[in-house]
């Protein structure tokens, strides 16, 4: 069985030491575009561009950056990581991604989620008390738009549609039909796995701590629900996303200050325990969630996890807290030229 690899980014504007002047948002976006070009050249399958509405991240409008990335590449799939659908208009999201699908030849993915931060809720007039209901209604509308047009629809959080013609339509591709590639993101609760399976969508598990192998029951729940709902097996795809970094040597030491700065900021905001080196190294050890090391070590981690989850794709956040561009590019190059061949050889692909 084959395995796709890739990376994802939120355009982090931080710096590992907290003293170096951070790049401008424009520079960081140009950095991201350079990374996607390189990923395309070295054979990676996917680049994800996420969404945040905070001063420490450059990307608040992922579709804009995804479009730029697609326009300068020819093979790689570029997707949202994630589109915070709860605070978006599904009609506009559908139009944006269908437009990108058309001009890229079907190389765009829409990863729908609720987001790990809540800044978009007050910004776009959404009530956190409706957290679950917002997502349920909007994913249903998005899928209805993908199925057919014209569409008549009504709900709680958006004006009704009456025989609405929503254009453009996605490309009609063999094996996919005239539909967007829509996936669901989850942090790992069972209800999300059931939802993705019931809807017949691929799923992305964000695994940012603990032991990824412990997600095996959730993945099995997703696959079982998907099959019992009668959806095609080719749509039963699983992606794992998490932190990682690749270097010829010294990866663990190099990545630590960037990891620590990011985790310490989250800990201060949310009242978590402050991070330390012991936490970092234990999570980067065998069986842990971080894939940090030489190409051989990272490949071993991917193959080991595949034995538990049998997932189809694994993607890494390589630039946590603003890892410099030179090191980010080298990590992407190693991921494509060394890690990927090792993984494919081990899995017999």
C-alpha atoms as a PDB file:
ATOM      1  CA  UNK A   1       0.000   0.000   0.000  1.00  0.00           C
ATOM      2  CA  UNK A   2       1.286   3.468  -0.887  1.00  0.00           C
ATOM      3  CA  UNK A   3       1.631   6.428   1.406  1.00  0.00           C
ATOM      4  CA  UNK A   4       1.491  10.126   0.568  1.00  0.00           C
ATOM      5  CA  UNK A   5       3.528  12.671   2.504  1.00  0.00           C
ATOM      6  CA  UNK A   6       3.280  16.431   2.763  1.00  0.00           C
ATOM      7  CA  UNK A   7       3.416  19.444   5.038  1.00  0.00           C
ATOM      8  CA  UNK A   8       1.100  22.102   6.375  1.00  0.00           C
ATOM      9  CA  UNK A   9       1.588  25.615   7.704  1.00  0.00           C
ATOM     10  CA  UNK A  10      -0.277  28.481   9.340  1.00  0.00           C
ATOM     11  CA  UNK A  11       2.289  31.066   8.302  1.00  0.00           C
ATOM     12  CA  UNK A  12       3.670  31.381  11.819  1.00  0.00           C
ATOM     13  CA  UNK A  13       5.362  34.754  12.342  1.00  0.00           C
ATOM     14  CA  UNK A  14       7.200  33.809  15.519  1.00  0.00           C
ATOM     15  CA  UNK A  15      10.910  33.333  16.053  1.00  0.00           C
ATOM     16  CA  UNK A  16      12.528  30.642  18.143  1.00  0.00           C
ATOM     17  CA  UNK A  17      14.512  32.975  20.349  1.00  0.00           C
ATOM     18  CA  UNK A  18      11.861  35.669  20.690  1.00  0.00           C
ATOM     19  CA  UNK A  19      14.484  38.334  19.936  1.00  0.00           C
ATOM     20  CA  UNK A  20      15.043  38.111  16.190  1.00  0.00           C
ATOM     21  CA  UNK A  21      12.732  40.427  14.303  1.00  0.00           C
ATOM     22  CA  UNK A  22       9.886  38.367  12.813  1.00  0.00           C
ATOM     23  CA  UNK A  23       9.147  38.553   9.085  1.00  0.00           C
ATOM     24  CA  UNK A  24       6.308  40.631   7.723  1.00  0.00           C
ATOM     25  CA  UNK A  25       3.105  38.811   6.743  1.00  0.00           C
ATOM     26  CA  UNK A  26       3.972  39.432   3.105  1.00  0.00           C
ATOM     27  CA  UNK A  27       7.396  37.866   3.472  1.00  0.00           C
ATOM     28  CA  UNK A  28       6.003  34.853   5.265  1.00  0.00           C
ATOM     29  CA  UNK A  29       3.414  34.308   2.531  1.00  0.00           C
ATOM     30  CA  UNK A  30       6.175  34.503  -0.082  1.00  0.00           C
ATOM     31  CA  UNK A  31       8.083  31.956   2.010  1.00  0.00           C
ATOM     32  CA  UNK A  32       5.067  29.627   1.968  1.00  0.00           C
ATOM     33  CA  UNK A  33       4.785  29.894  -1.807  1.00  0.00           C
ATOM     34  CA  UNK A  34       8.465  29.014  -2.173  1.00  0.00           C
ATOM     35  CA  UNK A  35       7.973  25.987   0.073  1.00  0.00           C
ATOM     36  CA  UNK A  36       5.036  24.748  -1.972  1.00  0.00           C
ATOM     37  CA  UNK A  37       7.050  25.117  -5.196  1.00  0.00           C
ATOM     38  CA  UNK A  38       9.836  23.017  -3.699  1.00  0.00           C
ATOM     39  CA  UNK A  39       7.399  20.411  -2.374  1.00  0.00           C
ATOM     40  CA  UNK A  40       5.974  20.091  -5.881  1.00  0.00           C
ATOM     41  CA  UNK A  41       9.456  19.614  -7.327  1.00  0.00           C
ATOM     42  CA  UNK A  42      10.522  16.896  -4.853  1.00  0.00           C
ATOM     43  CA  UNK A  43       7.384  14.799  -5.249  1.00  0.00           C
ATOM     44  CA  UNK A  44       5.399  15.523  -2.109  1.00  0.00           C
ATOM     45  CA  UNK A  45       1.679  14.948  -2.552  1.00  0.00           C
ATOM     46  CA  UNK A  46       0.186  17.687  -0.417  1.00  0.00           C
ATOM     47  CA  UNK A  47       0.688  21.161   1.017  1.00  0.00           C
ATOM     48  CA  UNK A  48      -1.829  22.505   3.519  1.00  0.00           C
ATOM     49  CA  UNK A  49      -2.367  26.191   4.287  1.00  0.00           C
ATOM     50  CA  UNK A  50      -4.265  26.934   7.486  1.00  0.00           C
ATOM     51  CA  UNK A  51      -6.368  29.756   8.861  1.00  0.00           C
ATOM     52  CA  UNK A  52      -5.856  31.921  11.940  1.00  0.00           C
ATOM     53  CA  UNK A  53      -7.068  35.386  12.873  1.00  0.00           C
ATOM     54  CA  UNK A  54      -4.263  36.318  15.261  1.00  0.00           C
ATOM     55  CA  UNK A  55      -1.277  38.690  15.060  1.00  0.00           C
ATOM     56  CA  UNK A  56       1.241  35.837  15.252  1.00  0.00           C
ATOM     57  CA  UNK A  57       0.109  34.207  11.986  1.00  0.00           C
ATOM     58  CA  UNK A  58       0.257  35.484   8.409  1.00  0.00           C
ATOM     59  CA  UNK A  59      -2.675  33.604   6.877  1.00  0.00           C
ATOM     60  CA  UNK A  60      -6.225  34.666   7.672  1.00  0.00           C
ATOM     61  CA  UNK A  61      -7.532  34.093   4.130  1.00  0.00           C
ATOM     62  CA  UNK A  62      -6.255  30.642   3.169  1.00  0.00           C
ATOM     63  CA  UNK A  63      -8.116  30.426  -0.148  1.00  0.00           C
ATOM     64  CA  UNK A  64      -6.154  33.440  -1.409  1.00  0.00           C
ATOM     65  CA  UNK A  65      -2.811  31.826  -0.617  1.00  0.00           C
ATOM     66  CA  UNK A  66      -3.923  28.405  -1.869  1.00  0.00           C
ATOM     67  CA  UNK A  67      -4.880  29.956  -5.206  1.00  0.00           C
ATOM     68  CA  UNK A  68      -1.439  31.534  -5.520  1.00  0.00           C
ATOM     69  CA  UNK A  69       0.222  28.218  -4.643  1.00  0.00           C
ATOM     70  CA  UNK A  70      -1.838  26.289  -7.194  1.00  0.00           C
ATOM     71  CA  UNK A  71      -1.044  28.829  -9.900  1.00  0.00           C
ATOM     72  CA  UNK A  72       2.706  28.221  -9.558  1.00  0.00           C
ATOM     73  CA  UNK A  73       2.687  24.411  -9.348  1.00  0.00           C
ATOM     74  CA  UNK A  74       1.706  21.561 -11.632  1.00  0.00           C
ATOM     75  CA  UNK A  75       1.352  18.308  -9.638  1.00  0.00           C
ATOM     76  CA  UNK A  76       0.947  18.841  -5.917  1.00  0.00           C
ATOM     77  CA  UNK A  77      -2.454  19.011  -4.217  1.00  0.00           C
ATOM     78  CA  UNK A  78      -2.917  22.146  -2.115  1.00  0.00           C
ATOM     79  CA  UNK A  79      -5.600  22.332   0.544  1.00  0.00           C
ATOM     80  CA  UNK A  80      -6.932  24.246   3.494  1.00  0.00           C
ATOM     81  CA  UNK A  81      -5.699  23.184   6.899  1.00  0.00           C
ATOM     82  CA  UNK A  82      -8.383  23.982   7.919  1.00  0.00           C
ATOM     83  CA  UNK A  83     -11.227  26.102   6.569  1.00  0.00           C
ATOM     84  CA  UNK A  84     -13.089  27.166   9.721  1.00  0.00           C
ATOM     85  CA  UNK A  85     -16.442  26.385   8.158  1.00  0.00           C
ATOM     86  CA  UNK A  86     -18.438  27.308  11.257  1.00  0.00           C
ATOM     87  CA  UNK A  87     -17.714  30.998  10.680  1.00  0.00           C
ATOM     88  CA  UNK A  88     -17.810  30.975   6.867  1.00  0.00           C
ATOM     89  CA  UNK A  89     -20.560  31.195   4.268  1.00  0.00           C
ATOM     90  CA  UNK A  90     -20.642  27.755   2.594  1.00  0.00           C
ATOM     91  CA  UNK A  91     -21.850  29.289  -0.673  1.00  0.00           C
ATOM     92  CA  UNK A  92     -18.816  31.547  -0.927  1.00  0.00           C
ATOM     93  CA  UNK A  93     -16.464  28.781   0.207  1.00  0.00           C
ATOM     94  CA  UNK A  94     -17.875  26.467  -2.445  1.00  0.00           C
ATOM     95  CA  UNK A  95     -17.390  29.093  -5.154  1.00  0.00           C
ATOM     96  CA  UNK A  96     -13.809  29.778  -4.075  1.00  0.00           C
ATOM     97  CA  UNK A  97     -12.793  26.138  -4.075  1.00  0.00           C
ATOM     98  CA  UNK A  98     -14.687  25.259  -7.237  1.00  0.00           C
ATOM     99  CA  UNK A  99     -12.878  28.130  -8.979  1.00  0.00           C
ATOM    100  CA  UNK A 100      -9.511  26.804  -7.764  1.00  0.00           C
ATOM    101  CA  UNK A 101     -10.531  23.271  -8.730  1.00  0.00           C
ATOM    102  CA  UNK A 102     -11.255  24.424 -12.272  1.00  0.00           C
ATOM    103  CA  UNK A 103      -8.048  26.307 -12.960  1.00  0.00           C
ATOM    104  CA  UNK A 104      -5.750  23.823 -11.171  1.00  0.00           C
ATOM    105  CA  UNK A 105      -7.109  20.734 -12.884  1.00  0.00           C
ATOM    106  CA  UNK A 106      -8.624  19.307  -9.702  1.00  0.00           C
ATOM    107  CA  UNK A 107      -5.636  19.800  -7.369  1.00  0.00           C
ATOM    108  CA  UNK A 108      -7.404  21.523  -4.474  1.00  0.00           C
ATOM    109  CA  UNK A 109      -8.833  20.047  -1.257  1.00  0.00           C
ATOM    110  CA  UNK A 110     -11.248  21.623   1.175  1.00  0.00           C
ATOM    111  CA  UNK A 111     -10.581  20.471   4.735  1.00  0.00           C
ATOM    112  CA  UNK A 112     -13.547  21.600   6.827  1.00  0.00           C
ATOM    113  CA  UNK A 113     -13.214  22.012  10.579  1.00  0.00           C
ATOM    114  CA  UNK A 114     -14.176  24.071  13.575  1.00  0.00           C
ATOM    115  CA  UNK A 115     -10.710  25.386  14.371  1.00  0.00           C
ATOM    116  CA  UNK A 116      -8.527  25.122  17.458  1.00  0.00           C
ATOM    117  CA  UNK A 117      -8.814  28.862  18.235  1.00  0.00           C
ATOM    118  CA  UNK A 118     -12.003  30.873  18.583  1.00  0.00           C
ATOM    119  CA  UNK A 119     -11.049  34.322  17.216  1.00  0.00           C
ATOM    120  CA  UNK A 120     -13.127  33.886  14.063  1.00  0.00           C
ATOM    121  CA  UNK A 121     -16.385  33.511  16.021  1.00  0.00           C
ATOM    122  CA  UNK A 122     -16.735  37.093  17.320  1.00  0.00           C
ATOM    123  CA  UNK A 123     -14.986  38.423  14.207  1.00  0.00           C
ATOM    124  CA  UNK A 124     -17.704  37.078  11.909  1.00  0.00           C
ATOM    125  CA  UNK A 125     -20.625  37.415  14.308  1.00  0.00           C
ATOM    126  CA  UNK A 126     -20.967  33.752  15.307  1.00  0.00           C
ATOM    127  CA  UNK A 127     -22.018  32.682  18.794  1.00  0.00           C
ATOM    128  CA  UNK A 128     -19.778  30.142  20.530  1.00  0.00           C
ATOM    129  CA  UNK A 129     -22.915  28.737  22.156  1.00  0.00           C
ATOM    130  CA  UNK A 130     -23.802  27.462  18.655  1.00  0.00           C
ATOM    131  CA  UNK A 131     -20.387  25.803  18.196  1.00  0.00           C
ATOM    132  CA  UNK A 132     -21.692  22.357  17.238  1.00  0.00           C
ATOM    133  CA  UNK A 133     -24.873  23.465  15.472  1.00  0.00           C
ATOM    134  CA  UNK A 134     -22.998  25.905  13.248  1.00  0.00           C
ATOM    135  CA  UNK A 135     -20.719  23.223  11.909  1.00  0.00           C
ATOM    136  CA  UNK A 136     -23.481  20.660  11.455  1.00  0.00           C
ATOM    137  CA  UNK A 137     -25.622  23.041   9.426  1.00  0.00           C
ATOM    138  CA  UNK A 138     -22.811  24.460   7.335  1.00  0.00           C
ATOM    139  CA  UNK A 139     -21.208  21.154   6.399  1.00  0.00           C
ATOM    140  CA  UNK A 140     -24.652  19.918   5.370  1.00  0.00           C
ATOM    141  CA  UNK A 141     -25.165  22.982   3.171  1.00  0.00           C
ATOM    142  CA  UNK A 142     -21.686  22.670   1.668  1.00  0.00           C
ATOM    143  CA  UNK A 143     -22.352  19.052   0.699  1.00  0.00           C
ATOM    144  CA  UNK A 144     -25.783  19.958  -0.699  1.00  0.00           C
ATOM    145  CA  UNK A 145     -24.134  22.613  -2.878  1.00  0.00           C
ATOM    146  CA  UNK A 146     -21.621  20.052  -4.059  1.00  0.00           C
ATOM    147  CA  UNK A 147     -24.338  17.562  -5.006  1.00  0.00           C
ATOM    148  CA  UNK A 148     -26.452  19.758  -7.250  1.00  0.00           C
ATOM    149  CA  UNK A 149     -27.489  23.148  -8.530  1.00  0.00           C
ATOM    150  CA  UNK A 150     -29.963  24.874  -8.554  1.00  0.00           C
ATOM    151  CA  UNK A 151     -30.571  24.412  -4.827  1.00  0.00           C
ATOM    152  CA  UNK A 152     -33.369  25.387  -2.466  1.00  0.00           C
ATOM    153  CA  UNK A 153     -32.425  25.317   1.206  1.00  0.00           C
ATOM    154  CA  UNK A 154     -33.179  26.961   4.555  1.00  0.00           C
ATOM    155  CA  UNK A 155     -31.489  26.887   7.956  1.00  0.00           C
ATOM    156  CA  UNK A 156     -30.842  28.882  11.135  1.00  0.00           C
ATOM    157  CA  UNK A 157     -27.562  30.630  10.409  1.00  0.00           C
ATOM    158  CA  UNK A 158     -27.813  31.813   6.817  1.00  0.00           C
ATOM    159  CA  UNK A 159     -30.507  33.351   4.589  1.00  0.00           C
ATOM    160  CA  UNK A 160     -32.502  30.741   2.704  1.00  0.00           C
ATOM    161  CA  UNK A 161     -31.721  29.758  -0.882  1.00  0.00           C
ATOM    162  CA  UNK A 162     -34.483  29.444  -3.463  1.00  0.00           C
ATOM    163  CA  UNK A 163     -33.549  27.747  -6.730  1.00  0.00           C
ATOM    164  CA  UNK A 164     -30.073  29.206  -6.330  1.00  0.00           C
ATOM    165  CA  UNK A 165     -27.607  28.512  -9.130  1.00  0.00           C
ATOM    166  CA  UNK A 166     -24.140  28.357  -7.565  1.00  0.00           C
ATOM    167  CA  UNK A 167     -21.242  28.557 -10.041  1.00  0.00           C
ATOM    168  CA  UNK A 168     -18.703  27.522 -11.104  1.00  0.00           C
ATOM    169  CA  UNK A 169     -19.080  23.782 -10.698  1.00  0.00           C
ATOM    170  CA  UNK A 170     -16.056  21.607  -9.906  1.00  0.00           C
ATOM    171  CA  UNK A 171     -14.312  19.657 -12.638  1.00  0.00           C
ATOM    172  CA  UNK A 172     -15.815  16.327 -13.645  1.00  0.00           C
ATOM    173  CA  UNK A 173     -12.883  13.977 -13.060  1.00  0.00           C
ATOM    174  CA  UNK A 174     -12.654  10.181 -13.449  1.00  0.00           C
ATOM    175  CA  UNK A 175     -13.238   8.487 -10.112  1.00  0.00           C
ATOM    176  CA  UNK A 176     -14.456  11.704  -8.500  1.00  0.00           C
ATOM    177  CA  UNK A 177     -17.160  13.034 -10.735  1.00  0.00           C
ATOM    178  CA  UNK A 178     -18.166  16.720 -10.762  1.00  0.00           C
ATOM    179  CA  UNK A 179     -17.477  17.210  -7.072  1.00  0.00           C
ATOM    180  CA  UNK A 180     -15.021  18.966  -4.788  1.00  0.00           C
ATOM    181  CA  UNK A 181     -12.604  16.948  -2.677  1.00  0.00           C
ATOM    182  CA  UNK A 182     -14.139  17.801   0.728  1.00  0.00           C
ATOM    183  CA  UNK A 183     -12.680  16.327   3.906  1.00  0.00           C
ATOM    184  CA  UNK A 184     -13.390  16.650   7.632  1.00  0.00           C
ATOM    185  CA  UNK A 185     -10.806  17.585  10.268  1.00  0.00           C
ATOM    186  CA  UNK A 186     -10.990  16.284  13.816  1.00  0.00           C
ATOM    187  CA  UNK A 187      -8.897  16.385  16.952  1.00  0.00           C
ATOM    188  CA  UNK A 188     -10.033  12.880  17.790  1.00  0.00           C
ATOM    189  CA  UNK A 189     -13.444  12.685  19.428  1.00  0.00           C
ATOM    190  CA  UNK A 190     -15.623   9.715  18.443  1.00  0.00           C
ATOM    191  CA  UNK A 191     -18.536  11.881  17.278  1.00  0.00           C
ATOM    192  CA  UNK A 192     -16.341  13.491  14.615  1.00  0.00           C
ATOM    193  CA  UNK A 193     -15.225  10.093  13.334  1.00  0.00           C
ATOM    194  CA  UNK A 194     -18.849   8.973  13.109  1.00  0.00           C
ATOM    195  CA  UNK A 195     -19.831  12.223  11.362  1.00  0.00           C
ATOM    196  CA  UNK A 196     -17.111  11.858   8.722  1.00  0.00           C
ATOM    197  CA  UNK A 197     -18.025   8.231   8.134  1.00  0.00           C
ATOM    198  CA  UNK A 198     -21.747   8.911   7.949  1.00  0.00           C
ATOM    199  CA  UNK A 199     -21.222  11.751   5.482  1.00  0.00           C
ATOM    200  CA  UNK A 200     -18.922   9.583   3.363  1.00  0.00           C
ATOM    201  CA  UNK A 201     -15.992  12.010   3.569  1.00  0.00           C
ATOM    202  CA  UNK A 202     -12.260  11.443   4.039  1.00  0.00           C
ATOM    203  CA  UNK A 203     -11.001  12.376   7.512  1.00  0.00           C
ATOM    204  CA  UNK A 204      -7.927  14.149   8.885  1.00  0.00           C
ATOM    205  CA  UNK A 205      -6.836  13.370  12.455  1.00  0.00           C
ATOM    206  CA  UNK A 206      -4.745  16.119  14.050  1.00  0.00           C
ATOM    207  CA  UNK A 207      -2.521  14.279  16.536  1.00  0.00           C
ATOM    208  CA  UNK A 208      -0.530  16.807  18.534  1.00  0.00           C
ATOM    209  CA  UNK A 209       0.357  14.767  21.611  1.00  0.00           C
ATOM    210  CA  UNK A 210       0.203  11.404  23.309  1.00  0.00           C
ATOM    211  CA  UNK A 211       0.530   8.145  21.407  1.00  0.00           C
ATOM    212  CA  UNK A 212      -0.808   8.234  17.835  1.00  0.00           C
ATOM    213  CA  UNK A 213      -1.326   4.464  17.844  1.00  0.00           C
ATOM    214  CA  UNK A 214      -4.096   5.048  20.399  1.00  0.00           C
ATOM    215  CA  UNK A 215      -6.138   6.573  17.564  1.00  0.00           C
ATOM    216  CA  UNK A 216      -6.572   3.129  16.012  1.00  0.00           C
ATOM    217  CA  UNK A 217     -10.050   2.568  17.547  1.00  0.00           C
ATOM    218  CA  UNK A 218     -11.213   5.954  16.218  1.00  0.00           C
ATOM    219  CA  UNK A 219      -9.897   5.178  12.748  1.00  0.00           C
ATOM    220  CA  UNK A 220     -11.639   1.800  12.842  1.00  0.00           C
ATOM    221  CA  UNK A 221     -14.859   3.505  13.994  1.00  0.00           C
ATOM    222  CA  UNK A 222     -14.614   5.908  11.063  1.00  0.00           C
ATOM    223  CA  UNK A 223     -14.004   3.144   8.525  1.00  0.00           C
ATOM    224  CA  UNK A 224     -16.780   0.957   9.925  1.00  0.00           C
ATOM    225  CA  UNK A 225     -19.299   3.818   9.941  1.00  0.00           C
ATOM    226  CA  UNK A 226     -18.273   4.824   6.418  1.00  0.00           C
ATOM    227  CA  UNK A 227     -18.761   1.262   5.140  1.00  0.00           C
ATOM    228  CA  UNK A 228     -22.073   0.729   6.964  1.00  0.00           C
ATOM    229  CA  UNK A 229     -23.404   3.950   5.431  1.00  0.00           C
ATOM    230  CA  UNK A 230     -22.769   2.446   1.996  1.00  0.00           C
ATOM    231  CA  UNK A 231     -20.205   4.966   0.754  1.00  0.00           C
ATOM    232  CA  UNK A 232     -17.565   4.056  -1.871  1.00  0.00           C
ATOM    233  CA  UNK A 233     -14.362   2.610  -0.459  1.00  0.00           C
ATOM    234  CA  UNK A 234     -12.193   4.982  -2.488  1.00  0.00           C
ATOM    235  CA  UNK A 235     -13.522   7.867  -0.363  1.00  0.00           C
ATOM    236  CA  UNK A 236     -12.522   6.094   2.863  1.00  0.00           C
ATOM    237  CA  UNK A 237      -9.231   7.955   3.236  1.00  0.00           C
ATOM    238  CA  UNK A 238      -7.360   8.828   6.427  1.00  0.00           C
ATOM    239  CA  UNK A 239      -4.777  11.575   6.878  1.00  0.00           C
ATOM    240  CA  UNK A 240      -2.700  12.110  10.021  1.00  0.00           C
ATOM    241  CA  UNK A 241      -1.306  15.564  10.725  1.00  0.00           C
ATOM    242  CA  UNK A 242       1.122  16.564  13.450  1.00  0.00           C
ATOM    243  CA  UNK A 243       4.407  18.189  14.314  1.00  0.00           C
ATOM    244  CA  UNK A 244       7.602  17.060  12.660  1.00  0.00           C
ATOM    245  CA  UNK A 245      10.981  18.147  11.426  1.00  0.00           C
ATOM    246  CA  UNK A 246      13.694  16.557   9.295  1.00  0.00           C
ATOM    247  CA  UNK A 247      17.419  17.316   9.223  1.00  0.00           C
ATOM    248  CA  UNK A 248      20.571  15.349   8.489  1.00  0.00           C
ATOM    249  CA  UNK A 249      21.657  15.861  12.089  1.00  0.00           C
ATOM    250  CA  UNK A 250      20.653  17.735  15.226  1.00  0.00           C
ATOM    251  CA  UNK A 251      16.936  17.936  14.401  1.00  0.00           C
ATOM    252  CA  UNK A 252      15.783  17.404  17.985  1.00  0.00           C
ATOM    253  CA  UNK A 253      17.987  20.176  19.385  1.00  0.00           C
ATOM    254  CA  UNK A 254      17.265  22.551  16.526  1.00  0.00           C
ATOM    255  CA  UNK A 255      13.474  22.260  16.680  1.00  0.00           C
ATOM    256  CA  UNK A 256      13.202  22.490  20.474  1.00  0.00           C
ATOM    257  CA  UNK A 257      13.269  26.305  20.934  1.00  0.00           C
ATOM    258  CA  UNK A 258      10.630  26.759  18.242  1.00  0.00           C
ATOM    259  CA  UNK A 259       8.447  24.085  19.816  1.00  0.00           C
ATOM    260  CA  UNK A 260       8.969  25.531  23.306  1.00  0.00           C
ATOM    261  CA  UNK A 261       8.089  29.077  22.300  1.00  0.00           C
ATOM    262  CA  UNK A 262       4.880  27.965  20.605  1.00  0.00           C
ATOM    263  CA  UNK A 263       3.796  25.614  23.393  1.00  0.00           C
ATOM    264  CA  UNK A 264       4.624  28.139  26.107  1.00  0.00           C
ATOM    265  CA  UNK A 265       2.400  30.723  24.436  1.00  0.00           C
ATOM    266  CA  UNK A 266      -0.517  28.291  24.309  1.00  0.00           C
ATOM    267  CA  UNK A 267       0.110  27.229  27.909  1.00  0.00           C
ATOM    268  CA  UNK A 268      -0.036  30.843  29.113  1.00  0.00           C
ATOM    269  CA  UNK A 269      -3.262  31.510  27.207  1.00  0.00           C
ATOM    270  CA  UNK A 270      -5.063  28.366  28.316  1.00  0.00           C
ATOM    271  CA  UNK A 271      -3.656  27.708  31.755  1.00  0.00           C
ATOM    272  CA  UNK A 272      -1.814  24.523  30.777  1.00  0.00           C
ATOM    273  CA  UNK A 273       1.373  23.249  32.400  1.00  0.00           C
ATOM    274  CA  UNK A 274       4.425  25.008  30.997  1.00  0.00           C
ATOM    275  CA  UNK A 275       6.352  22.902  28.476  1.00  0.00           C
ATOM    276  CA  UNK A 276       9.799  21.529  29.158  1.00  0.00           C
ATOM    277  CA  UNK A 277      12.500  19.438  27.535  1.00  0.00           C
ATOM    278  CA  UNK A 278      11.332  16.220  29.186  1.00  0.00           C
ATOM    279  CA  UNK A 279       7.822  16.631  27.702  1.00  0.00           C
ATOM    280  CA  UNK A 280       9.341  17.393  24.317  1.00  0.00           C
ATOM    281  CA  UNK A 281      11.707  14.439  24.175  1.00  0.00           C
ATOM    282  CA  UNK A 282       9.151  11.966  25.498  1.00  0.00           C
ATOM    283  CA  UNK A 283       6.674  12.997  22.794  1.00  0.00           C
ATOM    284  CA  UNK A 284       9.412  12.773  20.163  1.00  0.00           C
ATOM    285  CA  UNK A 285      10.489   9.315  21.376  1.00  0.00           C
ATOM    286  CA  UNK A 286       9.393   6.078  19.760  1.00  0.00           C
ATOM    287  CA  UNK A 287       5.608   5.801  19.805  1.00  0.00           C
ATOM    288  CA  UNK A 288       5.155   9.519  20.500  1.00  0.00           C
ATOM    289  CA  UNK A 289       3.329  12.054  18.364  1.00  0.00           C
ATOM    290  CA  UNK A 290       6.301  14.078  17.077  1.00  0.00           C
ATOM    291  CA  UNK A 291       8.299  12.865  14.069  1.00  0.00           C
ATOM    292  CA  UNK A 292      11.583  14.719  14.525  1.00  0.00           C
ATOM    293  CA  UNK A 293      14.966  13.437  13.404  1.00  0.00           C
ATOM    294  CA  UNK A 294      16.987  12.217  10.457  1.00  0.00           C
ATOM    295  CA  UNK A 295      15.204  11.032   7.315  1.00  0.00           C
ATOM    296  CA  UNK A 296      15.653   7.459   8.501  1.00  0.00           C
ATOM    297  CA  UNK A 297      14.160   8.209  11.920  1.00  0.00           C
ATOM    298  CA  UNK A 298      11.173  10.084  10.511  1.00  0.00           C
ATOM    299  CA  UNK A 299      10.515   7.342   7.947  1.00  0.00           C
ATOM    300  CA  UNK A 300      10.618   4.747  10.721  1.00  0.00           C
ATOM    301  CA  UNK A 301       8.036   6.731  12.692  1.00  0.00           C
ATOM    302  CA  UNK A 302       5.699   6.943   9.693  1.00  0.00           C
ATOM    303  CA  UNK A 303       5.979   3.235   8.931  1.00  0.00           C
ATOM    304  CA  UNK A 304       5.489   2.302  12.582  1.00  0.00           C
ATOM    305  CA  UNK A 305       2.302   4.376  12.782  1.00  0.00           C
ATOM    306  CA  UNK A 306       1.047   2.955   9.498  1.00  0.00           C
ATOM    307  CA  UNK A 307       1.122  -0.516  11.045  1.00  0.00           C
ATOM    308  CA  UNK A 308      -1.487   0.700  13.561  1.00  0.00           C
ATOM    309  CA  UNK A 309      -3.648   3.078  11.507  1.00  0.00           C
ATOM    310  CA  UNK A 310      -3.094   2.020   7.881  1.00  0.00           C
ATOM    311  CA  UNK A 311      -3.519   5.662   6.979  1.00  0.00           C
ATOM    312  CA  UNK A 312      -3.177   7.051   3.465  1.00  0.00           C
ATOM    313  CA  UNK A 313      -1.301  10.281   4.096  1.00  0.00           C
ATOM    314  CA  UNK A 314       0.827  11.875   6.784  1.00  0.00           C
ATOM    315  CA  UNK A 315       1.562  15.599   6.861  1.00  0.00           C
ATOM    316  CA  UNK A 316       3.877  17.571   9.122  1.00  0.00           C
ATOM    317  CA  UNK A 317       3.943  21.050  10.610  1.00  0.00           C
ATOM    318  CA  UNK A 318       7.610  21.768   9.912  1.00  0.00           C
ATOM    319  CA  UNK A 319       7.740  25.506  10.623  1.00  0.00           C
ATOM    320  CA  UNK A 320       6.384  25.826  14.152  1.00  0.00           C
ATOM    321  CA  UNK A 321       7.007  29.281  15.645  1.00  0.00           C
ATOM    322  CA  UNK A 322       8.734  30.534  12.535  1.00  0.00           C
ATOM    323  CA  UNK A 323      11.469  27.999  11.756  1.00  0.00           C
ATOM    324  CA  UNK A 324      13.720  29.955   9.333  1.00  0.00           C
ATOM    325  CA  UNK A 325      13.157  29.581   5.632  1.00  0.00           C
ATOM    326  CA  UNK A 326      16.465  27.868   4.886  1.00  0.00           C
ATOM    327  CA  UNK A 327      15.835  25.082   7.387  1.00  0.00           C
ATOM    328  CA  UNK A 328      12.159  24.787   6.383  1.00  0.00           C
ATOM    329  CA  UNK A 329      13.113  24.324   2.749  1.00  0.00           C
ATOM    330  CA  UNK A 330      15.748  21.729   3.601  1.00  0.00           C
ATOM    331  CA  UNK A 331      13.228  19.783   5.709  1.00  0.00           C
ATOM    332  CA  UNK A 332      10.782  19.757   2.780  1.00  0.00           C
ATOM    333  CA  UNK A 333      13.532  18.641   0.408  1.00  0.00           C
ATOM    334  CA  UNK A 334      14.543  15.771   2.710  1.00  0.00           C
ATOM    335  CA  UNK A 335      10.913  14.772   3.205  1.00  0.00           C
ATOM    336  CA  UNK A 336      10.463  14.349  -0.530  1.00  0.00           C
ATOM    337  CA  UNK A 337      13.852  13.014  -1.617  1.00  0.00           C
ATOM    338  CA  UNK A 338      14.732  10.754   1.328  1.00  0.00           C
ATOM    339  CA  UNK A 339      11.839  10.121   3.714  1.00  0.00           C
ATOM    340  CA  UNK A 340       9.247   9.385   1.025  1.00  0.00           C
ATOM    341  CA  UNK A 341      11.351   6.756  -0.812  1.00  0.00           C
ATOM    342  CA  UNK A 342      12.174   5.034   2.479  1.00  0.00           C
ATOM    343  CA  UNK A 343       8.505   4.910   3.463  1.00  0.00           C
ATOM    344  CA  UNK A 344       7.400   3.649   0.069  1.00  0.00           C
ATOM    345  CA  UNK A 345      10.079   0.967   0.045  1.00  0.00           C
ATOM    346  CA  UNK A 346       9.107  -0.209   3.541  1.00  0.00           C
ATOM    347  CA  UNK A 347       5.423  -0.396   2.581  1.00  0.00           C
ATOM    348  CA  UNK A 348       6.138  -2.180  -0.689  1.00  0.00           C
ATOM    349  CA  UNK A 349       4.875   0.599  -2.930  1.00  0.00           C
END
